[in-house]
């Protein structure tokens, strides 16, 4: 019974988030990229993703209750691995710029391990998701993920361009080692 009440509350919260739209995301994305602003934006994106995913896959209550915990768990794991990957890329850029050839092999090895970890995470998540979704829902999920991620990247890119092409107060990726998270 408690589980059902929690699910109903979750659905109500998701529905309350319906007023989230691209303009709201762009407004937050335009704000100075502090850790607090990034976290606030991440939570809004997550809420929008759950709502749109529920709609796109035509999820019922039971399937939603099984799917979202899986996706949330892997999102957290993936976030940590992606952080390590970004850190490694910064180190690689710095080492290349400063001609630190001795460090390059170790950095490249670490990057390869990070890529393997991200692939393993994706494979494990997909194996669990397949147990919950129908074949049609799986196909819709693949399409949804690609389109949703593309839309979010576009919004973030446009916000960065409006801030003068800066990414978190530093140069654009590839312009130098000052890239920040």
N, C-alpha and C. Protein backbone atom coordinates (compact mmCIF):
# COMPACT_ATOMS: atom_id res chain seq x y z
N UNK A 1 0.82 -1.20 0.00
CA UNK A 1 0.00 0.00 0.00
C UNK A 1 0.87 1.27 0.00
N UNK A 2 1.93 1.26 0.85
CA UNK A 2 2.83 2.41 0.91
C UNK A 2 3.49 2.64 -0.44
N UNK A 3 3.83 1.54 -1.11
CA UNK A 3 4.47 1.65 -2.42
C UNK A 3 3.54 2.34 -3.41
N UNK A 4 2.27 1.98 -3.36
CA UNK A 4 1.29 2.57 -4.28
C UNK A 4 1.11 4.05 -3.99
N UNK A 5 1.06 4.42 -2.71
CA UNK A 5 0.93 5.83 -2.33
C UNK A 5 2.15 6.61 -2.81
N UNK A 6 3.34 6.03 -2.63
CA UNK A 6 4.56 6.70 -3.08
C UNK A 6 4.55 6.88 -4.60
N UNK A 7 4.08 5.87 -5.31
CA UNK A 7 4.02 5.97 -6.76
C UNK A 7 3.03 7.05 -7.19
N UNK A 8 1.89 7.12 -6.52
CA UNK A 8 0.89 8.15 -6.84
C UNK A 8 1.49 9.54 -6.58
N UNK A 9 2.21 9.69 -5.47
CA UNK A 9 2.85 10.98 -5.17
C UNK A 9 3.87 11.31 -6.25
N UNK A 10 4.64 10.31 -6.69
CA UNK A 10 5.62 10.53 -7.75
C UNK A 10 4.93 10.99 -9.03
N UNK A 11 3.85 10.35 -9.38
CA UNK A 11 3.12 10.72 -10.59
C UNK A 11 2.56 12.13 -10.47
N UNK A 12 2.05 12.48 -9.30
CA UNK A 12 1.54 13.84 -9.08
C UNK A 12 2.66 14.86 -9.23
N UNK A 13 3.82 14.53 -8.66
CA UNK A 13 4.98 15.43 -8.81
C UNK A 13 5.39 15.56 -10.27
N UNK A 14 5.33 14.45 -10.98
CA UNK A 14 5.67 14.50 -12.40
C UNK A 14 4.68 15.38 -13.15
N UNK A 15 3.41 15.23 -12.85
CA UNK A 15 2.40 16.04 -13.52
C UNK A 15 2.53 17.51 -13.14
N UNK A 16 2.93 17.77 -11.90
CA UNK A 16 3.13 19.16 -11.48
C UNK A 16 4.28 19.80 -12.27
N UNK A 17 5.19 18.96 -12.73
CA UNK A 17 6.31 19.47 -13.50
C UNK A 17 5.99 19.69 -14.97
N UNK A 18 4.75 19.52 -15.35
CA UNK A 18 4.37 19.69 -16.75
C UNK A 18 4.65 21.09 -17.27
N UNK A 19 4.65 22.05 -16.38
CA UNK A 19 4.88 23.41 -16.85
C UNK A 19 6.34 23.68 -17.21
N UNK A 20 7.17 22.66 -17.02
CA UNK A 20 8.57 22.80 -17.41
C UNK A 20 8.62 22.79 -18.93
N UNK A 21 9.27 23.77 -19.50
CA UNK A 21 9.40 23.82 -20.95
C UNK A 21 10.80 24.27 -21.32
N UNK A 22 11.07 24.32 -22.60
CA UNK A 22 12.42 24.65 -23.08
C UNK A 22 12.85 26.04 -22.62
N UNK A 23 11.92 26.99 -22.56
CA UNK A 23 12.28 28.34 -22.13
C UNK A 23 12.80 28.34 -20.69
N UNK A 24 12.16 27.54 -19.84
CA UNK A 24 12.61 27.47 -18.45
C UNK A 24 14.00 26.85 -18.38
N UNK A 25 14.25 25.82 -19.18
CA UNK A 25 15.58 25.22 -19.20
C UNK A 25 16.60 26.22 -19.70
N UNK A 26 16.26 26.95 -20.75
CA UNK A 26 17.20 27.91 -21.30
C UNK A 26 17.50 29.00 -20.30
N UNK A 27 16.48 29.42 -19.55
CA UNK A 27 16.69 30.45 -18.54
C UNK A 27 17.68 29.97 -17.50
N UNK A 28 17.51 28.72 -17.02
CA UNK A 28 18.44 28.18 -16.03
C UNK A 28 19.80 27.92 -16.65
N UNK A 29 19.81 27.46 -17.89
CA UNK A 29 21.09 27.19 -18.56
C UNK A 29 21.85 28.49 -18.80
N UNK A 30 21.13 29.60 -18.98
CA UNK A 30 21.76 30.91 -19.17
C UNK A 30 22.39 31.44 -17.88
N UNK A 31 21.89 30.98 -16.74
CA UNK A 31 22.40 31.46 -15.45
C UNK A 31 23.86 31.05 -15.31
N UNK A 32 24.58 31.76 -14.44
CA UNK A 32 25.97 31.42 -14.20
C UNK A 32 26.05 29.95 -13.81
N UNK A 33 26.97 29.20 -14.40
CA UNK A 33 27.03 27.76 -14.17
C UNK A 33 27.69 27.38 -12.84
N UNK A 34 27.05 27.74 -11.76
CA UNK A 34 27.54 27.34 -10.45
C UNK A 34 27.12 25.89 -10.21
N UNK A 35 27.72 25.28 -9.22
CA UNK A 35 27.37 23.89 -8.90
C UNK A 35 25.88 23.80 -8.53
N UNK A 36 25.39 24.79 -7.79
CA UNK A 36 23.98 24.82 -7.39
C UNK A 36 23.06 24.94 -8.60
N UNK A 37 23.41 25.82 -9.54
CA UNK A 37 22.60 25.98 -10.75
C UNK A 37 22.61 24.72 -11.61
N UNK A 38 23.77 24.09 -11.71
CA UNK A 38 23.85 22.84 -12.50
C UNK A 38 22.99 21.76 -11.88
N UNK A 39 23.01 21.65 -10.55
CA UNK A 39 22.21 20.63 -9.87
C UNK A 39 20.71 20.90 -10.04
N UNK A 40 20.33 22.16 -9.93
CA UNK A 40 18.92 22.54 -10.12
C UNK A 40 18.48 22.21 -11.54
N UNK A 41 19.30 22.54 -12.50
CA UNK A 41 18.99 22.25 -13.90
C UNK A 41 18.92 20.74 -14.13
N UNK A 42 19.86 20.00 -13.55
CA UNK A 42 19.88 18.54 -13.70
C UNK A 42 18.59 17.92 -13.18
N UNK A 43 18.12 18.41 -12.04
CA UNK A 43 16.88 17.88 -11.46
C UNK A 43 15.67 18.19 -12.34
N UNK A 44 15.65 19.39 -12.91
CA UNK A 44 14.53 19.74 -13.80
C UNK A 44 14.56 18.90 -15.07
N UNK A 45 15.74 18.67 -15.59
CA UNK A 45 15.87 17.84 -16.78
C UNK A 45 15.42 16.41 -16.46
N UNK A 46 15.82 15.92 -15.30
CA UNK A 46 15.43 14.57 -14.88
C UNK A 46 13.91 14.44 -14.78
N UNK A 47 13.27 15.44 -14.20
CA UNK A 47 11.81 15.43 -14.06
C UNK A 47 11.14 15.45 -15.44
N UNK A 48 11.64 16.31 -16.32
CA UNK A 48 11.08 16.38 -17.67
C UNK A 48 11.29 15.05 -18.39
N UNK A 49 12.46 14.46 -18.22
CA UNK A 49 12.75 13.19 -18.86
C UNK A 49 11.78 12.11 -18.41
N UNK A 50 11.52 12.02 -17.12
CA UNK A 50 10.59 11.00 -16.62
C UNK A 50 9.19 11.21 -17.20
N UNK A 51 8.74 12.45 -17.21
CA UNK A 51 7.41 12.73 -17.72
C UNK A 51 7.32 12.39 -19.21
N UNK A 52 8.29 12.86 -19.99
CA UNK A 52 8.26 12.61 -21.43
C UNK A 52 8.44 11.12 -21.74
N UNK A 53 9.27 10.45 -20.95
CA UNK A 53 9.48 9.03 -21.14
C UNK A 53 8.20 8.24 -20.86
N UNK A 54 7.51 8.61 -19.81
CA UNK A 54 6.24 7.96 -19.48
C UNK A 54 5.26 8.10 -20.64
N UNK A 55 5.23 9.28 -21.21
CA UNK A 55 4.32 9.55 -22.33
C UNK A 55 4.78 8.83 -23.60
N UNK A 56 6.06 8.93 -23.93
CA UNK A 56 6.58 8.36 -25.17
C UNK A 56 6.46 6.83 -25.20
N UNK A 57 6.66 6.19 -24.06
CA UNK A 57 6.60 4.73 -23.99
C UNK A 57 5.23 4.22 -23.58
N UNK A 58 4.32 5.16 -23.29
CA UNK A 58 2.98 4.81 -22.83
C UNK A 58 3.06 3.84 -21.65
N UNK A 59 3.82 4.27 -20.64
CA UNK A 59 4.07 3.41 -19.48
C UNK A 59 2.86 3.38 -18.54
N UNK A 60 2.57 2.20 -18.07
CA UNK A 60 1.54 2.10 -17.03
C UNK A 60 2.22 2.24 -15.67
N UNK A 61 1.41 2.28 -14.63
CA UNK A 61 1.92 2.51 -13.28
C UNK A 61 2.92 1.43 -12.85
N UNK A 62 2.60 0.19 -13.12
CA UNK A 62 3.46 -0.93 -12.71
C UNK A 62 4.81 -0.87 -13.42
N UNK A 63 4.80 -0.63 -14.71
CA UNK A 63 6.04 -0.58 -15.48
C UNK A 63 6.88 0.62 -15.06
N UNK A 64 6.23 1.76 -14.84
CA UNK A 64 6.96 2.95 -14.38
C UNK A 64 7.65 2.68 -13.05
N UNK A 65 6.94 1.99 -12.16
CA UNK A 65 7.49 1.70 -10.84
C UNK A 65 8.70 0.78 -10.92
N UNK A 66 8.79 -0.03 -11.97
CA UNK A 66 9.95 -0.90 -12.14
C UNK A 66 11.06 -0.22 -12.94
N UNK A 67 10.70 0.57 -13.94
CA UNK A 67 11.68 1.16 -14.85
C UNK A 67 12.47 2.30 -14.23
N UNK A 68 11.79 3.25 -13.59
CA UNK A 68 12.48 4.45 -13.12
C UNK A 68 13.56 4.18 -12.07
N UNK A 69 13.35 3.27 -11.13
CA UNK A 69 14.46 2.98 -10.21
C UNK A 69 15.70 2.41 -10.91
N UNK A 70 15.48 1.59 -11.94
CA UNK A 70 16.61 1.05 -12.71
C UNK A 70 17.36 2.20 -13.37
N UNK A 71 16.62 3.04 -14.08
CA UNK A 71 17.26 4.14 -14.81
C UNK A 71 17.95 5.11 -13.86
N UNK A 72 17.32 5.43 -12.74
CA UNK A 72 17.93 6.35 -11.78
C UNK A 72 19.22 5.78 -11.20
N UNK A 73 19.21 4.50 -10.88
CA UNK A 73 20.41 3.86 -10.32
C UNK A 73 21.57 3.94 -11.31
N UNK A 74 21.30 3.61 -12.56
CA UNK A 74 22.37 3.64 -13.56
C UNK A 74 22.77 5.07 -13.92
N UNK A 75 21.85 6.01 -13.87
CA UNK A 75 22.20 7.41 -14.12
C UNK A 75 23.23 7.89 -13.10
N UNK A 76 23.04 7.51 -11.84
CA UNK A 76 24.00 7.91 -10.79
C UNK A 76 25.37 7.30 -11.03
N UNK A 77 25.39 6.02 -11.38
CA UNK A 77 26.66 5.34 -11.64
C UNK A 77 27.33 5.95 -12.87
N UNK A 78 26.53 6.22 -13.90
CA UNK A 78 27.06 6.79 -15.14
C UNK A 78 27.63 8.19 -14.90
N UNK A 79 26.97 8.98 -14.05
CA UNK A 79 27.43 10.33 -13.76
C UNK A 79 28.84 10.31 -13.17
N UNK A 80 29.09 9.37 -12.27
CA UNK A 80 30.42 9.26 -11.67
C UNK A 80 31.47 8.89 -12.73
N UNK A 81 31.12 7.94 -13.59
CA UNK A 81 32.07 7.52 -14.63
C UNK A 81 32.32 8.64 -15.63
N UNK A 82 31.29 9.40 -15.97
CA UNK A 82 31.44 10.51 -16.90
C UNK A 82 32.30 11.62 -16.30
N UNK A 83 32.17 11.83 -14.99
CA UNK A 83 33.01 12.82 -14.32
C UNK A 83 34.48 12.43 -14.46
N UNK A 84 34.78 11.16 -14.23
CA UNK A 84 36.16 10.68 -14.38
C UNK A 84 36.65 10.83 -15.81
N UNK A 85 35.76 10.58 -16.76
CA UNK A 85 36.13 10.73 -18.17
C UNK A 85 36.45 12.18 -18.50
N UNK A 86 35.60 13.11 -18.04
CA UNK A 86 35.87 14.54 -18.29
C UNK A 86 37.17 14.99 -17.64
N UNK A 87 37.42 14.50 -16.44
CA UNK A 87 38.66 14.84 -15.74
C UNK A 87 39.86 14.32 -16.54
N UNK A 88 39.76 13.11 -17.04
CA UNK A 88 40.83 12.54 -17.84
C UNK A 88 41.07 13.32 -19.12
N UNK A 89 39.99 13.77 -19.74
CA UNK A 89 40.12 14.57 -20.97
C UNK A 89 40.82 15.90 -20.68
N UNK A 90 40.49 16.52 -19.55
CA UNK A 90 41.18 17.76 -19.17
C UNK A 90 42.67 17.50 -18.98
N UNK A 91 42.99 16.40 -18.27
CA UNK A 91 44.40 16.06 -18.05
C UNK A 91 45.10 15.79 -19.37
N UNK A 92 44.42 15.14 -20.30
CA UNK A 92 45.01 14.85 -21.61
C UNK A 92 45.31 16.15 -22.36
N UNK A 93 44.37 17.08 -22.34
CA UNK A 93 44.58 18.37 -23.02
C UNK A 93 45.77 19.12 -22.41
N UNK A 94 45.82 19.15 -21.09
CA UNK A 94 46.91 19.85 -20.40
C UNK A 94 48.24 19.19 -20.73
N UNK A 95 48.28 17.87 -20.66
CA UNK A 95 49.54 17.16 -20.92
C UNK A 95 50.00 17.36 -22.35
N UNK A 96 49.08 17.37 -23.30
CA UNK A 96 49.45 17.63 -24.69
C UNK A 96 49.96 19.05 -24.87
N UNK A 97 49.26 20.00 -24.29
CA UNK A 97 49.64 21.41 -24.44
C UNK A 97 51.01 21.67 -23.80
N UNK A 98 51.27 21.03 -22.66
CA UNK A 98 52.51 21.26 -21.93
C UNK A 98 53.60 20.23 -22.28
N UNK A 99 53.36 19.47 -23.34
CA UNK A 99 54.33 18.47 -23.83
C UNK A 99 54.80 17.50 -22.74
N UNK A 100 53.88 17.00 -21.97
CA UNK A 100 54.21 16.01 -20.94
C UNK A 100 53.97 14.60 -21.49
N UNK A 101 54.81 14.18 -22.40
CA UNK A 101 54.62 12.90 -23.08
C UNK A 101 54.64 11.72 -22.12
N UNK A 102 55.38 11.81 -21.05
CA UNK A 102 55.47 10.72 -20.08
C UNK A 102 54.12 10.38 -19.44
N UNK A 103 53.24 11.35 -19.35
CA UNK A 103 51.93 11.13 -18.72
C UNK A 103 50.88 10.62 -19.70
N UNK A 104 51.11 10.82 -20.99
CA UNK A 104 50.07 10.53 -21.98
C UNK A 104 49.61 9.08 -21.96
N UNK A 105 50.51 8.11 -21.87
CA UNK A 105 50.12 6.70 -21.89
C UNK A 105 49.22 6.37 -20.72
N UNK A 106 49.57 6.83 -19.53
CA UNK A 106 48.74 6.55 -18.36
C UNK A 106 47.37 7.19 -18.49
N UNK A 107 47.33 8.41 -18.98
CA UNK A 107 46.05 9.10 -19.16
C UNK A 107 45.20 8.36 -20.19
N UNK A 108 45.82 7.96 -21.30
CA UNK A 108 45.09 7.22 -22.33
C UNK A 108 44.58 5.88 -21.80
N UNK A 109 45.39 5.20 -20.99
CA UNK A 109 44.95 3.94 -20.38
C UNK A 109 43.73 4.17 -19.48
N UNK A 110 43.79 5.24 -18.68
CA UNK A 110 42.66 5.57 -17.80
C UNK A 110 41.41 5.91 -18.61
N UNK A 111 41.59 6.65 -19.70
CA UNK A 111 40.45 6.99 -20.55
C UNK A 111 39.82 5.74 -21.16
N UNK A 112 40.66 4.81 -21.57
CA UNK A 112 40.14 3.56 -22.13
C UNK A 112 39.34 2.79 -21.07
N UNK A 113 39.85 2.75 -19.85
CA UNK A 113 39.12 2.08 -18.77
C UNK A 113 37.78 2.77 -18.51
N UNK A 114 37.78 4.11 -18.55
CA UNK A 114 36.53 4.85 -18.36
C UNK A 114 35.52 4.53 -19.46
N UNK A 115 35.99 4.47 -20.69
CA UNK A 115 35.09 4.12 -21.80
C UNK A 115 34.54 2.71 -21.63
N UNK A 116 35.38 1.78 -21.21
CA UNK A 116 34.93 0.42 -20.97
C UNK A 116 33.90 0.37 -19.84
N UNK A 117 34.14 1.15 -18.81
CA UNK A 117 33.20 1.22 -17.69
C UNK A 117 31.85 1.76 -18.16
N UNK A 118 31.88 2.83 -18.95
CA UNK A 118 30.63 3.40 -19.46
C UNK A 118 29.89 2.39 -20.34
N UNK A 119 30.62 1.63 -21.14
CA UNK A 119 29.97 0.62 -21.99
C UNK A 119 29.37 -0.49 -21.13
N UNK A 120 30.10 -0.91 -20.09
CA UNK A 120 29.58 -1.95 -19.19
C UNK A 120 28.31 -1.48 -18.49
N UNK A 121 28.32 -0.23 -18.05
CA UNK A 121 27.14 0.35 -17.40
C UNK A 121 25.95 0.34 -18.36
N UNK A 122 26.19 0.77 -19.59
CA UNK A 122 25.12 0.80 -20.59
C UNK A 122 24.59 -0.61 -20.87
N UNK A 123 25.49 -1.58 -20.96
CA UNK A 123 25.07 -2.96 -21.22
C UNK A 123 24.26 -3.53 -20.06
N UNK A 124 24.70 -3.28 -18.84
CA UNK A 124 23.98 -3.78 -17.66
C UNK A 124 22.60 -3.13 -17.55
N UNK A 125 22.55 -1.81 -17.78
CA UNK A 125 21.27 -1.11 -17.72
C UNK A 125 20.31 -1.67 -18.77
N UNK A 126 20.80 -1.85 -19.97
CA UNK A 126 19.95 -2.34 -21.06
C UNK A 126 19.42 -3.75 -20.73
N UNK A 127 20.27 -4.60 -20.16
CA UNK A 127 19.83 -5.95 -19.79
C UNK A 127 18.68 -5.89 -18.79
N UNK A 128 18.75 -4.98 -17.83
CA UNK A 128 17.67 -4.85 -16.85
C UNK A 128 16.42 -4.23 -17.45
N UNK A 129 16.61 -3.21 -18.30
CA UNK A 129 15.48 -2.53 -18.93
C UNK A 129 14.70 -3.50 -19.81
N UNK A 130 15.42 -4.38 -20.52
CA UNK A 130 14.77 -5.35 -21.40
C UNK A 130 13.83 -6.29 -20.65
N UNK A 131 14.11 -6.52 -19.38
CA UNK A 131 13.26 -7.39 -18.57
C UNK A 131 11.94 -6.71 -18.21
N UNK A 132 11.90 -5.38 -18.28
CA UNK A 132 10.75 -4.60 -17.84
C UNK A 132 9.86 -4.16 -19.01
N UNK A 133 10.49 -3.81 -20.13
CA UNK A 133 9.76 -3.22 -21.26
C UNK A 133 9.44 -4.25 -22.34
N UNK A 134 8.36 -4.00 -23.06
CA UNK A 134 8.04 -4.80 -24.23
C UNK A 134 9.03 -4.44 -25.34
N UNK A 135 9.03 -5.24 -26.40
CA UNK A 135 9.91 -4.95 -27.54
C UNK A 135 9.60 -3.58 -28.13
N UNK A 136 8.32 -3.26 -28.27
CA UNK A 136 7.93 -1.96 -28.82
C UNK A 136 8.41 -0.82 -27.91
N UNK A 137 8.26 -1.00 -26.61
CA UNK A 137 8.72 0.03 -25.68
C UNK A 137 10.24 0.17 -25.71
N UNK A 138 10.95 -0.94 -25.90
CA UNK A 138 12.41 -0.89 -26.01
C UNK A 138 12.81 -0.05 -27.23
N UNK A 139 12.14 -0.29 -28.34
CA UNK A 139 12.43 0.47 -29.56
C UNK A 139 12.14 1.95 -29.35
N UNK A 140 11.01 2.25 -28.71
CA UNK A 140 10.66 3.64 -28.43
C UNK A 140 11.67 4.28 -27.49
N UNK A 141 12.19 3.51 -26.53
CA UNK A 141 13.18 4.03 -25.59
C UNK A 141 14.47 4.41 -26.31
N UNK A 142 14.92 3.58 -27.23
CA UNK A 142 16.14 3.88 -27.98
C UNK A 142 15.98 5.20 -28.73
N UNK A 143 14.86 5.35 -29.40
CA UNK A 143 14.59 6.58 -30.14
C UNK A 143 14.46 7.76 -29.20
N UNK A 144 13.71 7.57 -28.10
CA UNK A 144 13.51 8.64 -27.13
C UNK A 144 14.85 9.15 -26.59
N UNK A 145 15.72 8.22 -26.17
CA UNK A 145 17.00 8.63 -25.59
C UNK A 145 17.81 9.49 -26.57
N UNK A 146 17.87 9.06 -27.81
CA UNK A 146 18.64 9.81 -28.79
C UNK A 146 18.05 11.20 -28.99
N UNK A 147 16.74 11.29 -29.16
CA UNK A 147 16.10 12.58 -29.41
C UNK A 147 16.15 13.48 -28.18
N UNK A 148 15.90 12.94 -27.00
CA UNK A 148 15.90 13.74 -25.78
C UNK A 148 17.31 14.28 -25.51
N UNK A 149 18.31 13.42 -25.60
CA UNK A 149 19.68 13.86 -25.37
C UNK A 149 20.09 14.94 -26.37
N UNK A 150 19.69 14.76 -27.62
CA UNK A 150 19.99 15.75 -28.65
C UNK A 150 19.33 17.10 -28.33
N UNK A 151 18.07 17.06 -27.92
CA UNK A 151 17.35 18.29 -27.56
C UNK A 151 18.02 19.00 -26.39
N UNK A 152 18.41 18.26 -25.38
CA UNK A 152 19.05 18.86 -24.20
C UNK A 152 20.40 19.46 -24.58
N UNK A 153 21.19 18.73 -25.38
CA UNK A 153 22.49 19.27 -25.82
C UNK A 153 22.30 20.56 -26.60
N UNK A 154 21.27 20.61 -27.43
CA UNK A 154 21.00 21.81 -28.23
C UNK A 154 20.67 23.00 -27.32
N UNK A 155 19.83 22.78 -26.32
CA UNK A 155 19.46 23.84 -25.39
C UNK A 155 20.70 24.35 -24.65
N UNK A 156 21.54 23.44 -24.20
CA UNK A 156 22.74 23.82 -23.46
C UNK A 156 23.71 24.57 -24.36
N UNK A 157 23.88 24.09 -25.58
CA UNK A 157 24.77 24.76 -26.53
C UNK A 157 24.29 26.18 -26.81
N UNK A 158 22.99 26.34 -27.04
CA UNK A 158 22.44 27.67 -27.30
C UNK A 158 22.64 28.59 -26.10
N UNK A 159 22.48 28.06 -24.89
CA UNK A 159 22.69 28.87 -23.69
C UNK A 159 24.14 29.31 -23.58
N UNK A 160 25.06 28.40 -23.89
CA UNK A 160 26.49 28.75 -23.85
C UNK A 160 26.80 29.83 -24.86
N UNK A 161 26.22 29.71 -26.04
CA UNK A 161 26.46 30.72 -27.08
C UNK A 161 25.94 32.08 -26.64
N UNK A 162 24.80 32.10 -25.96
CA UNK A 162 24.26 33.37 -25.47
C UNK A 162 25.14 33.97 -24.39
N UNK A 163 25.87 33.12 -23.66
CA UNK A 163 26.79 33.61 -22.63
C UNK A 163 28.12 34.01 -23.24
N UNK A 164 28.22 34.01 -24.55
CA UNK A 164 29.45 34.43 -25.20
C UNK A 164 30.37 33.28 -25.55
N UNK A 165 29.81 32.08 -25.69
CA UNK A 165 30.62 30.95 -26.11
C UNK A 165 31.45 30.34 -25.00
N UNK A 166 31.25 30.79 -23.80
CA UNK A 166 32.03 30.27 -22.69
C UNK A 166 31.35 29.06 -22.09
N UNK A 167 32.15 28.15 -21.61
CA UNK A 167 31.64 26.97 -20.93
C UNK A 167 32.10 27.07 -19.49
N UNK A 168 31.19 27.31 -18.60
CA UNK A 168 31.49 27.40 -17.18
C UNK A 168 32.61 28.38 -16.87
N UNK A 169 32.60 29.49 -17.57
CA UNK A 169 33.56 30.54 -17.28
C UNK A 169 34.91 30.33 -17.91
N UNK A 170 35.10 29.22 -18.63
CA UNK A 170 36.38 28.95 -19.25
C UNK A 170 36.23 28.89 -20.76
N UNK A 171 37.30 28.59 -21.44
CA UNK A 171 37.23 28.53 -22.90
C UNK A 171 36.42 27.33 -23.36
N UNK A 172 35.99 27.39 -24.59
CA UNK A 172 35.28 26.25 -25.16
C UNK A 172 36.20 25.05 -25.24
N UNK A 173 35.60 23.86 -25.23
CA UNK A 173 36.35 22.63 -25.32
C UNK A 173 37.25 22.68 -26.55
N UNK A 174 38.49 22.27 -26.35
CA UNK A 174 39.44 22.27 -27.45
C UNK A 174 40.25 23.53 -27.52
N UNK A 175 39.81 24.62 -26.86
CA UNK A 175 40.54 25.87 -26.89
C UNK A 175 41.66 25.91 -25.87
N UNK A 176 41.63 25.00 -24.92
CA UNK A 176 42.68 25.02 -23.92
C UNK A 176 42.32 24.19 -22.73
N UNK A 177 43.18 24.16 -21.74
CA UNK A 177 43.00 23.28 -20.60
C UNK A 177 42.10 23.84 -19.51
N UNK A 178 41.52 25.00 -19.67
CA UNK A 178 40.76 25.61 -18.59
C UNK A 178 39.31 25.13 -18.54
N UNK A 179 38.97 24.12 -19.33
CA UNK A 179 37.60 23.62 -19.34
C UNK A 179 37.22 23.14 -17.95
N UNK A 180 36.06 23.57 -17.50
CA UNK A 180 35.55 23.19 -16.18
C UNK A 180 34.31 22.36 -16.35
N UNK A 181 33.87 21.72 -15.27
CA UNK A 181 32.64 20.95 -15.30
C UNK A 181 31.47 21.84 -15.26
